[in-house]
Amino acid sequence: MAIIARPHCTAADARPTDRAGARATDTPHGLSSALSSLSCRWPKYLLPARRPFLRLQASTAVALMSGEAVRQPLVSKEEEGRDEREGDSGSGPARQANVQLKNSAQSLSASDQLEGIPWIAHILRQLGAAIMSFGLIALGVLCFFAPYAAADMYGMPIREETDALGWVVATGIRDLGLGVATCAFAARRPSALRVFVPTLIPVAAGDAWATMMFSSSAEAARMGTLKHLAGTVAICILAVAAWLDPTLDERRAVTA
């Protein structure tokens, strides 16, 4: 006579009977009850190979119920890479939000570095660009409306209308263009100041040399040369400050 092994638990314990029980495995308590029903459905001596598996699952369920295990979604590396590629190459609000988030993080990291010399360079770059742009614009306008006063400021005074007056107006046009360019770069493309400002050093040095060589008197030559040399030194300081300012780093800007 064959001996049929019967389970040690009832059918009600083995499977759920209502809708809530059908979804019982969605929670840690449901998982524990399901494992218990699976383990008690057959005698232990008929399932010797599955007992370690059941013990492992039961320990996992206990850890879930006690909060020892961190319940996180299982996301593969391929899915993470796909999400990053979609975020970078996508279009629409999702990509704009991603770009804004990166810009915010980069601006925060840049502000953290504004200490000591970088902070001083940042202030000097802003003040220097503003002073130089408005000063050149004002000097260029002055060359049109008051060329004699502008010639005195350049250190090459002109007492009567001669051919040199045309050179004063031409110099005013040059300074006006340089001032507008400096203002535009500082407002729209500050990182371009790193290249643009050093190109103004030969211009200021050339004005100093011309004033020293072609002034009408030694006193005017000395004073005019000192003015232009001071402007040359100021432009050099602005150029160094632009290169030391960490906020002008191109790698920190993320374009949409």
C-alpha atoms as a PDB file:
ATOM      1  CA  MET A   1       0.000   0.000   0.000  1.00  0.00           C
ATOM      2  CA  ALA A   2       1.445   3.368  -1.029  1.00  0.00           C
ATOM      3  CA  ILE A   3       1.666   5.994   1.641  1.00  0.00           C
ATOM      4  CA  ILE A   4       0.588   9.431   0.385  1.00  0.00           C
ATOM      5  CA  ALA A   5       2.099  12.330   2.263  1.00  0.00           C
ATOM      6  CA  ARG A   6      -0.359  15.024   3.171  1.00  0.00           C
ATOM      7  CA  PRO A   7       0.492  18.641   3.862  1.00  0.00           C
ATOM      8  CA  HIS A   8       0.651  19.839   7.435  1.00  0.00           C
ATOM      9  CA  CYS A   9      -1.529  22.902   6.791  1.00  0.00           C
ATOM     10  CA  THR A  10      -4.988  23.468   5.471  1.00  0.00           C
ATOM     11  CA  ALA A  11      -5.988  24.693   2.053  1.00  0.00           C
ATOM     12  CA  ALA A  12      -7.059  28.018   3.502  1.00  0.00           C
ATOM     13  CA  ASP A  13      -3.508  28.577   4.732  1.00  0.00           C
ATOM     14  CA  ALA A  14      -2.000  27.493   1.426  1.00  0.00           C
ATOM     15  CA  ARG A  15      -3.650  29.980  -0.951  1.00  0.00           C
ATOM     16  CA  PRO A  16      -5.577  33.244  -0.621  1.00  0.00           C
ATOM     17  CA  THR A  17      -9.324  33.279  -1.030  1.00  0.00           C
ATOM     18  CA  ASP A  18     -10.095  36.977  -1.607  1.00  0.00           C
ATOM     19  CA  ARG A  19      -8.895  39.770  -3.872  1.00  0.00           C
ATOM     20  CA  ALA A  20      -6.660  41.273  -1.195  1.00  0.00           C
ATOM     21  CA  GLY A  21      -5.068  37.867  -0.710  1.00  0.00           C
ATOM     22  CA  ALA A  22      -4.464  37.568  -4.441  1.00  0.00           C
ATOM     23  CA  ARG A  23      -2.199  40.579  -4.180  1.00  0.00           C
ATOM     24  CA  ALA A  24      -0.681  39.470  -0.914  1.00  0.00           C
ATOM     25  CA  THR A  25       2.750  38.860  -2.395  1.00  0.00           C
ATOM     26  CA  ASP A  26       3.040  42.559  -3.189  1.00  0.00           C
ATOM     27  CA  THR A  27       3.832  43.332   0.477  1.00  0.00           C
ATOM     28  CA  PRO A  28       6.452  41.891   2.826  1.00  0.00           C
ATOM     29  CA  HIS A  29       3.750  40.314   5.011  1.00  0.00           C
ATOM     30  CA  GLY A  30       2.164  38.736   1.952  1.00  0.00           C
ATOM     31  CA  LEU A  31       5.530  37.412   0.828  1.00  0.00           C
ATOM     32  CA  SER A  32       6.097  35.871   4.237  1.00  0.00           C
ATOM     33  CA  SER A  33       2.679  34.197   4.262  1.00  0.00           C
ATOM     34  CA  ALA A  34       3.177  32.929   0.721  1.00  0.00           C
ATOM     35  CA  LEU A  35       6.527  31.411   1.639  1.00  0.00           C
ATOM     36  CA  SER A  36       5.037  29.881   4.753  1.00  0.00           C
ATOM     37  CA  SER A  37       2.218  28.341   2.735  1.00  0.00           C
ATOM     38  CA  LEU A  38       4.728  27.006   0.198  1.00  0.00           C
ATOM     39  CA  SER A  39       6.873  25.499   2.909  1.00  0.00           C
ATOM     40  CA  CYS A  40       3.961  23.875   4.716  1.00  0.00           C
ATOM     41  CA  ARG A  41       2.204  22.586   1.613  1.00  0.00           C
ATOM     42  CA  TRP A  42       4.498  19.530   1.415  1.00  0.00           C
ATOM     43  CA  PRO A  43       6.320  17.646   4.115  1.00  0.00           C
ATOM     44  CA  LYS A  44       9.892  18.721   4.662  1.00  0.00           C
ATOM     45  CA  TYR A  45      11.290  15.235   4.055  1.00  0.00           C
ATOM     46  CA  LEU A  46       9.839  15.260   0.489  1.00  0.00           C
ATOM     47  CA  LEU A  47      11.608  18.535  -0.402  1.00  0.00           C
ATOM     48  CA  PRO A  48      15.139  18.212   0.944  1.00  0.00           C
ATOM     49  CA  ALA A  49      16.710  20.231  -1.880  1.00  0.00           C
ATOM     50  CA  ARG A  50      14.332  23.179  -1.547  1.00  0.00           C
ATOM     51  CA  ARG A  51      14.697  23.762   2.154  1.00  0.00           C
ATOM     52  CA  PRO A  52      17.794  26.037   1.841  1.00  0.00           C
ATOM     53  CA  PHE A  53      15.998  28.037  -0.825  1.00  0.00           C
ATOM     54  CA  LEU A  54      12.951  28.426   1.398  1.00  0.00           C
ATOM     55  CA  ARG A  55      15.089  29.447   4.340  1.00  0.00           C
ATOM     56  CA  LEU A  56      16.809  32.076   2.173  1.00  0.00           C
ATOM     57  CA  GLN A  57      13.498  33.445   0.963  1.00  0.00           C
ATOM     58  CA  ALA A  58      12.081  33.431   4.478  1.00  0.00           C
ATOM     59  CA  SER A  59      15.086  35.384   5.801  1.00  0.00           C
ATOM     60  CA  THR A  60      14.651  37.897   2.986  1.00  0.00           C
ATOM     61  CA  ALA A  61      10.995  38.329   3.888  1.00  0.00           C
ATOM     62  CA  VAL A  62      11.853  38.851   7.549  1.00  0.00           C
ATOM     63  CA  ALA A  63      14.446  41.473   6.594  1.00  0.00           C
ATOM     64  CA  LEU A  64      11.881  43.266   4.466  1.00  0.00           C
ATOM     65  CA  MET A  65       9.314  43.253   7.281  1.00  0.00           C
ATOM     66  CA  SER A  66      11.830  44.485   9.844  1.00  0.00           C
ATOM     67  CA  GLY A  67      13.145  47.281   7.596  1.00  0.00           C
ATOM     68  CA  GLU A  68      16.714  45.937   7.447  1.00  0.00           C
ATOM     69  CA  ALA A  69      16.705  45.715   3.666  1.00  0.00           C
ATOM     70  CA  VAL A  70      16.554  48.857   1.585  1.00  0.00           C
ATOM     71  CA  ARG A  71      13.750  48.615  -0.919  1.00  0.00           C
ATOM     72  CA  GLN A  72      15.075  50.176  -4.092  1.00  0.00           C
ATOM     73  CA  PRO A  73      14.103  49.604  -7.729  1.00  0.00           C
ATOM     74  CA  LEU A  74      16.416  47.269  -9.568  1.00  0.00           C
ATOM     75  CA  VAL A  75      17.710  49.257 -12.536  1.00  0.00           C
ATOM     76  CA  SER A  76      20.342  47.767 -14.773  1.00  0.00           C
ATOM     77  CA  LYS A  77      23.344  49.690 -16.020  1.00  0.00           C
ATOM     78  CA  GLU A  78      21.992  49.486 -19.556  1.00  0.00           C
ATOM     79  CA  GLU A  79      18.771  51.206 -18.488  1.00  0.00           C
ATOM     80  CA  GLU A  80      20.705  53.900 -16.609  1.00  0.00           C
ATOM     81  CA  GLY A  81      22.863  54.565 -19.648  1.00  0.00           C
ATOM     82  CA  ARG A  82      19.789  54.696 -21.869  1.00  0.00           C
ATOM     83  CA  ASP A  83      18.115  57.198 -19.553  1.00  0.00           C
ATOM     84  CA  GLU A  84      21.213  59.410 -19.522  1.00  0.00           C
ATOM     85  CA  ARG A  85      21.431  59.300 -23.318  1.00  0.00           C
ATOM     86  CA  GLU A  86      17.754  60.129 -23.644  1.00  0.00           C
ATOM     87  CA  GLY A  87      18.169  63.019 -21.204  1.00  0.00           C
ATOM     88  CA  ASP A  88      21.127  64.434 -23.146  1.00  0.00           C
ATOM     89  CA  SER A  89      19.872  63.859 -26.693  1.00  0.00           C
ATOM     90  CA  GLY A  90      16.173  64.351 -26.134  1.00  0.00           C
ATOM     91  CA  SER A  91      14.189  67.434 -26.895  1.00  0.00           C
ATOM     92  CA  GLY A  92      11.492  69.381 -25.180  1.00  0.00           C
ATOM     93  CA  PRO A  93      10.860  70.153 -21.528  1.00  0.00           C
ATOM     94  CA  ALA A  94      12.767  67.099 -20.279  1.00  0.00           C
ATOM     95  CA  ARG A  95      16.030  68.155 -21.900  1.00  0.00           C
ATOM     96  CA  GLN A  96      15.579  71.790 -20.874  1.00  0.00           C
ATOM     97  CA  ALA A  97      15.051  70.723 -17.278  1.00  0.00           C
ATOM     98  CA  ASN A  98      18.201  68.578 -17.469  1.00  0.00           C
ATOM     99  CA  VAL A  99      20.220  71.506 -18.852  1.00  0.00           C
ATOM    100  CA  GLN A 100      18.911  73.856 -16.166  1.00  0.00           C
ATOM    101  CA  LEU A 101      19.812  71.327 -13.487  1.00  0.00           C
ATOM    102  CA  LYS A 102      23.361  70.990 -14.815  1.00  0.00           C
ATOM    103  CA  ASN A 103      23.759  74.757 -15.043  1.00  0.00           C
ATOM    104  CA  SER A 104      22.538  75.157 -11.465  1.00  0.00           C
ATOM    105  CA  ALA A 105      24.972  72.526 -10.199  1.00  0.00           C
ATOM    106  CA  GLN A 106      27.849  74.089 -12.114  1.00  0.00           C
ATOM    107  CA  SER A 107      27.037  77.594 -10.895  1.00  0.00           C
ATOM    108  CA  LEU A 108      26.972  76.297  -7.331  1.00  0.00           C
ATOM    109  CA  SER A 109      30.324  74.584  -7.786  1.00  0.00           C
ATOM    110  CA  ALA A 110      31.758  77.784  -9.299  1.00  0.00           C
ATOM    111  CA  SER A 111      30.467  79.898  -6.412  1.00  0.00           C
ATOM    112  CA  ASP A 112      32.122  77.512  -3.956  1.00  0.00           C
ATOM    113  CA  GLN A 113      35.523  78.291  -5.534  1.00  0.00           C
ATOM    114  CA  LEU A 114      35.156  82.090  -5.203  1.00  0.00           C
ATOM    115  CA  GLU A 115      37.445  82.407  -2.224  1.00  0.00           C
ATOM    116  CA  GLY A 116      40.701  84.272  -1.858  1.00  0.00           C
ATOM    117  CA  ILE A 117      42.439  85.117  -5.134  1.00  0.00           C
ATOM    118  CA  PRO A 118      39.621  83.802  -7.397  1.00  0.00           C
ATOM    119  CA  TRP A 119      37.121  86.008  -5.568  1.00  0.00           C
ATOM    120  CA  ILE A 120      39.376  89.082  -5.954  1.00  0.00           C
ATOM    121  CA  ALA A 121      39.883  88.266  -9.643  1.00  0.00           C
ATOM    122  CA  HIS A 122      36.127  87.973 -10.128  1.00  0.00           C
ATOM    123  CA  ILE A 123      35.524  91.418  -8.601  1.00  0.00           C
ATOM    124  CA  LEU A 124      38.395  93.012 -10.546  1.00  0.00           C
ATOM    125  CA  ARG A 125      37.158  91.520 -13.791  1.00  0.00           C
ATOM    126  CA  GLN A 126      33.650  92.915 -13.340  1.00  0.00           C
ATOM    127  CA  LEU A 127      34.754  96.378 -12.213  1.00  0.00           C
ATOM    128  CA  GLY A 128      37.587  96.598 -14.739  1.00  0.00           C
ATOM    129  CA  ALA A 129      35.413  95.623 -17.696  1.00  0.00           C
ATOM    130  CA  ALA A 130      32.744  98.157 -16.700  1.00  0.00           C
ATOM    131  CA  ILE A 131      35.225 101.015 -16.166  1.00  0.00           C
ATOM    132  CA  MET A 132      37.166 100.321 -19.358  1.00  0.00           C
ATOM    133  CA  SER A 133      34.085  99.974 -21.566  1.00  0.00           C
ATOM    134  CA  PHE A 134      32.365 103.149 -20.361  1.00  0.00           C
ATOM    135  CA  GLY A 135      35.654 105.077 -20.300  1.00  0.00           C
ATOM    136  CA  LEU A 136      36.468 104.207 -23.903  1.00  0.00           C
ATOM    137  CA  ILE A 137      32.932 105.013 -25.044  1.00  0.00           C
ATOM    138  CA  ALA A 138      33.020 108.390 -23.285  1.00  0.00           C
ATOM    139  CA  LEU A 139      36.445 109.185 -24.716  1.00  0.00           C
ATOM    140  CA  GLY A 140      35.308 108.261 -28.223  1.00  0.00           C
ATOM    141  CA  VAL A 141      32.232 110.481 -27.985  1.00  0.00           C
ATOM    142  CA  LEU A 142      34.391 113.311 -26.635  1.00  0.00           C
ATOM    143  CA  CYS A 143      36.607 113.120 -29.718  1.00  0.00           C
ATOM    144  CA  PHE A 144      33.615 114.011 -31.904  1.00  0.00           C
ATOM    145  CA  PHE A 145      32.104 116.835 -29.866  1.00  0.00           C
ATOM    146  CA  ALA A 146      35.243 118.271 -28.198  1.00  0.00           C
ATOM    147  CA  PRO A 147      38.321 117.157 -30.137  1.00  0.00           C
ATOM    148  CA  TYR A 148      40.598 119.758 -28.552  1.00  0.00           C
ATOM    149  CA  ALA A 149      39.756 118.615 -25.024  1.00  0.00           C
ATOM    150  CA  ALA A 150      40.204 115.007 -26.116  1.00  0.00           C
ATOM    151  CA  ALA A 151      43.632 115.832 -27.546  1.00  0.00           C
ATOM    152  CA  ASP A 152      44.606 117.310 -24.201  1.00  0.00           C
ATOM    153  CA  MET A 153      43.499 114.119 -22.461  1.00  0.00           C
ATOM    154  CA  TYR A 154      45.550 112.037 -24.899  1.00  0.00           C
ATOM    155  CA  GLY A 155      48.588 114.151 -24.021  1.00  0.00           C
ATOM    156  CA  MET A 156      48.887 115.634 -27.534  1.00  0.00           C
ATOM    157  CA  PRO A 157      47.309 119.100 -27.243  1.00  0.00           C
ATOM    158  CA  ILE A 158      46.173 120.837 -30.420  1.00  0.00           C
ATOM    159  CA  ARG A 159      45.732 124.605 -30.303  1.00  0.00           C
ATOM    160  CA  GLU A 160      44.465 125.183 -33.841  1.00  0.00           C
ATOM    161  CA  GLU A 161      42.716 123.234 -36.548  1.00  0.00           C
ATOM    162  CA  THR A 162      45.375 121.227 -38.330  1.00  0.00           C
ATOM    163  CA  ASP A 163      45.721 117.851 -39.978  1.00  0.00           C
ATOM    164  CA  ALA A 164      46.296 116.298 -36.561  1.00  0.00           C
ATOM    165  CA  LEU A 165      42.665 116.986 -35.686  1.00  0.00           C
ATOM    166  CA  GLY A 166      41.602 114.263 -38.108  1.00  0.00           C
ATOM    167  CA  TRP A 167      43.786 111.769 -36.262  1.00  0.00           C
ATOM    168  CA  VAL A 168      42.084 112.700 -33.010  1.00  0.00           C
ATOM    169  CA  VAL A 169      38.681 111.922 -34.537  1.00  0.00           C
ATOM    170  CA  ALA A 170      40.019 108.644 -35.953  1.00  0.00           C
ATOM    171  CA  THR A 171      41.384 107.714 -32.543  1.00  0.00           C
ATOM    172  CA  GLY A 172      37.975 108.496 -31.054  1.00  0.00           C
ATOM    173  CA  ILE A 173      36.295 106.137 -33.515  1.00  0.00           C
ATOM    174  CA  ARG A 174      38.762 103.427 -32.528  1.00  0.00           C
ATOM    175  CA  ASP A 175      38.162 103.913 -28.816  1.00  0.00           C
ATOM    176  CA  LEU A 176      34.393 104.030 -29.297  1.00  0.00           C
ATOM    177  CA  GLY A 177      34.456 100.704 -31.142  1.00  0.00           C
ATOM    178  CA  LEU A 178      36.669  99.099 -28.511  1.00  0.00           C
ATOM    179  CA  GLY A 179      34.408 100.334 -25.720  1.00  0.00           C
ATOM    180  CA  VAL A 180      31.260  98.986 -27.378  1.00  0.00           C
ATOM    181  CA  ALA A 181      32.973  95.642 -28.029  1.00  0.00           C
ATOM    182  CA  THR A 182      34.123  95.392 -24.401  1.00  0.00           C
ATOM    183  CA  CYS A 183      30.624  96.158 -23.133  1.00  0.00           C
ATOM    184  CA  ALA A 184      29.068  93.598 -25.490  1.00  0.00           C
ATOM    185  CA  PHE A 185      31.518  90.858 -24.532  1.00  0.00           C
ATOM    186  CA  ALA A 186      31.086  91.550 -20.822  1.00  0.00           C
ATOM    187  CA  ALA A 187      27.299  91.357 -21.137  1.00  0.00           C
ATOM    188  CA  ARG A 188      26.816  88.479 -23.583  1.00  0.00           C
ATOM    189  CA  ARG A 189      30.063  86.481 -23.694  1.00  0.00           C
ATOM    190  CA  PRO A 190      32.211  87.194 -20.618  1.00  0.00           C
ATOM    191  CA  SER A 191      34.606  84.338 -21.366  1.00  0.00           C
ATOM    192  CA  ALA A 192      35.701  86.156 -24.554  1.00  0.00           C
ATOM    193  CA  LEU A 193      37.332  88.817 -22.367  1.00  0.00           C
ATOM    194  CA  ARG A 194      40.180  86.370 -21.764  1.00  0.00           C
ATOM    195  CA  VAL A 195      41.201  86.769 -25.405  1.00  0.00           C
ATOM    196  CA  PHE A 196      39.892  90.244 -26.188  1.00  0.00           C
ATOM    197  CA  VAL A 197      41.407  92.195 -23.286  1.00  0.00           C
ATOM    198  CA  PRO A 198      45.044  91.140 -23.937  1.00  0.00           C
ATOM    199  CA  THR A 199      44.718  92.435 -27.517  1.00  0.00           C
ATOM    200  CA  LEU A 200      44.180  95.937 -26.102  1.00  0.00           C
ATOM    201  CA  ILE A 201      47.594  95.989 -24.409  1.00  0.00           C
ATOM    202  CA  PRO A 202      49.520  96.854 -27.628  1.00  0.00           C
ATOM    203  CA  VAL A 203      46.976  99.603 -28.374  1.00  0.00           C
ATOM    204  CA  ALA A 204      47.529 101.295 -25.005  1.00  0.00           C
ATOM    205  CA  ALA A 205      51.290 100.809 -25.219  1.00  0.00           C
ATOM    206  CA  GLY A 206      51.295 102.316 -28.725  1.00  0.00           C
ATOM    207  CA  ASP A 207      49.411 105.376 -27.475  1.00  0.00           C
ATOM    208  CA  ALA A 208      52.030 105.817 -24.756  1.00  0.00           C
ATOM    209  CA  TRP A 209      54.854 105.599 -27.288  1.00  0.00           C
ATOM    210  CA  ALA A 210      53.146 108.032 -29.704  1.00  0.00           C
ATOM    211  CA  THR A 211      52.498 110.517 -26.916  1.00  0.00           C
ATOM    212  CA  MET A 212      56.103 110.363 -25.779  1.00  0.00           C
ATOM    213  CA  MET A 213      57.494 110.832 -29.294  1.00  0.00           C
ATOM    214  CA  PHE A 214      55.157 113.413 -30.828  1.00  0.00           C
ATOM    215  CA  SER A 215      54.021 115.656 -27.992  1.00  0.00           C
ATOM    216  CA  SER A 216      54.463 119.392 -28.376  1.00  0.00           C
ATOM    217  CA  SER A 217      56.400 119.811 -25.129  1.00  0.00           C
ATOM    218  CA  ALA A 218      58.387 117.731 -22.699  1.00  0.00           C
ATOM    219  CA  GLU A 219      55.890 118.342 -19.911  1.00  0.00           C
ATOM    220  CA  ALA A 220      52.973 117.210 -22.072  1.00  0.00           C
ATOM    221  CA  ALA A 221      54.956 114.195 -23.228  1.00  0.00           C
ATOM    222  CA  ARG A 222      55.758 113.153 -19.678  1.00  0.00           C
ATOM    223  CA  MET A 223      52.218 113.557 -18.360  1.00  0.00           C
ATOM    224  CA  GLY A 224      50.599 111.973 -21.405  1.00  0.00           C
ATOM    225  CA  THR A 225      52.986 109.034 -21.337  1.00  0.00           C
ATOM    226  CA  LEU A 226      52.301 108.406 -17.661  1.00  0.00           C
ATOM    227  CA  LYS A 227      48.551 108.407 -18.313  1.00  0.00           C
ATOM    228  CA  HIS A 228      48.835 105.868 -21.100  1.00  0.00           C
ATOM    229  CA  LEU A 229      51.237 103.710 -19.108  1.00  0.00           C
ATOM    230  CA  ALA A 230      48.763 103.674 -16.213  1.00  0.00           C
ATOM    231  CA  GLY A 231      46.045 102.595 -18.636  1.00  0.00           C
ATOM    232  CA  THR A 232      48.324  99.869 -19.996  1.00  0.00           C
ATOM    233  CA  VAL A 233      48.968  98.523 -16.500  1.00  0.00           C
ATOM    234  CA  ALA A 234      45.225  98.582 -15.768  1.00  0.00           C
ATOM    235  CA  ILE A 235      44.503  96.577 -18.917  1.00  0.00           C
ATOM    236  CA  CYS A 236      47.185  94.045 -17.944  1.00  0.00           C
ATOM    237  CA  ILE A 237      45.576  93.633 -14.515  1.00  0.00           C
ATOM    238  CA  LEU A 238      42.172  93.141 -16.150  1.00  0.00           C
ATOM    239  CA  ALA A 239      43.613  90.498 -18.487  1.00  0.00           C
ATOM    240  CA  VAL A 240      45.138  88.560 -15.581  1.00  0.00           C
ATOM    241  CA  ALA A 241      41.911  88.840 -13.578  1.00  0.00           C
ATOM    242  CA  ALA A 242      39.909  87.484 -16.513  1.00  0.00           C
ATOM    243  CA  TRP A 243      42.117  84.394 -16.671  1.00  0.00           C
ATOM    244  CA  LEU A 244      41.976  83.855 -12.901  1.00  0.00           C
ATOM    245  CA  ASP A 245      38.200  84.280 -12.688  1.00  0.00           C
ATOM    246  CA  PRO A 246      36.730  80.734 -12.397  1.00  0.00           C
ATOM    247  CA  THR A 247      33.275  81.862 -13.521  1.00  0.00           C
ATOM    248  CA  LEU A 248      34.614  82.415 -17.050  1.00  0.00           C
ATOM    249  CA  ASP A 249      35.571  78.770 -17.466  1.00  0.00           C
ATOM    250  CA  GLU A 250      33.973  77.504 -20.693  1.00  0.00           C
ATOM    251  CA  ARG A 251      33.589  73.972 -19.297  1.00  0.00           C
ATOM    252  CA  ARG A 252      31.065  75.221 -16.747  1.00  0.00           C
ATOM    253  CA  ALA A 253      28.626  76.457 -19.363  1.00  0.00           C
ATOM    254  CA  VAL A 254      26.039  73.971 -20.652  1.00  0.00           C
ATOM    255  CA  THR A 255      24.234  75.070 -23.785  1.00  0.00           C
ATOM    256  CA  ALA A 256      20.708  73.969 -24.568  1.00  0.00           C
END
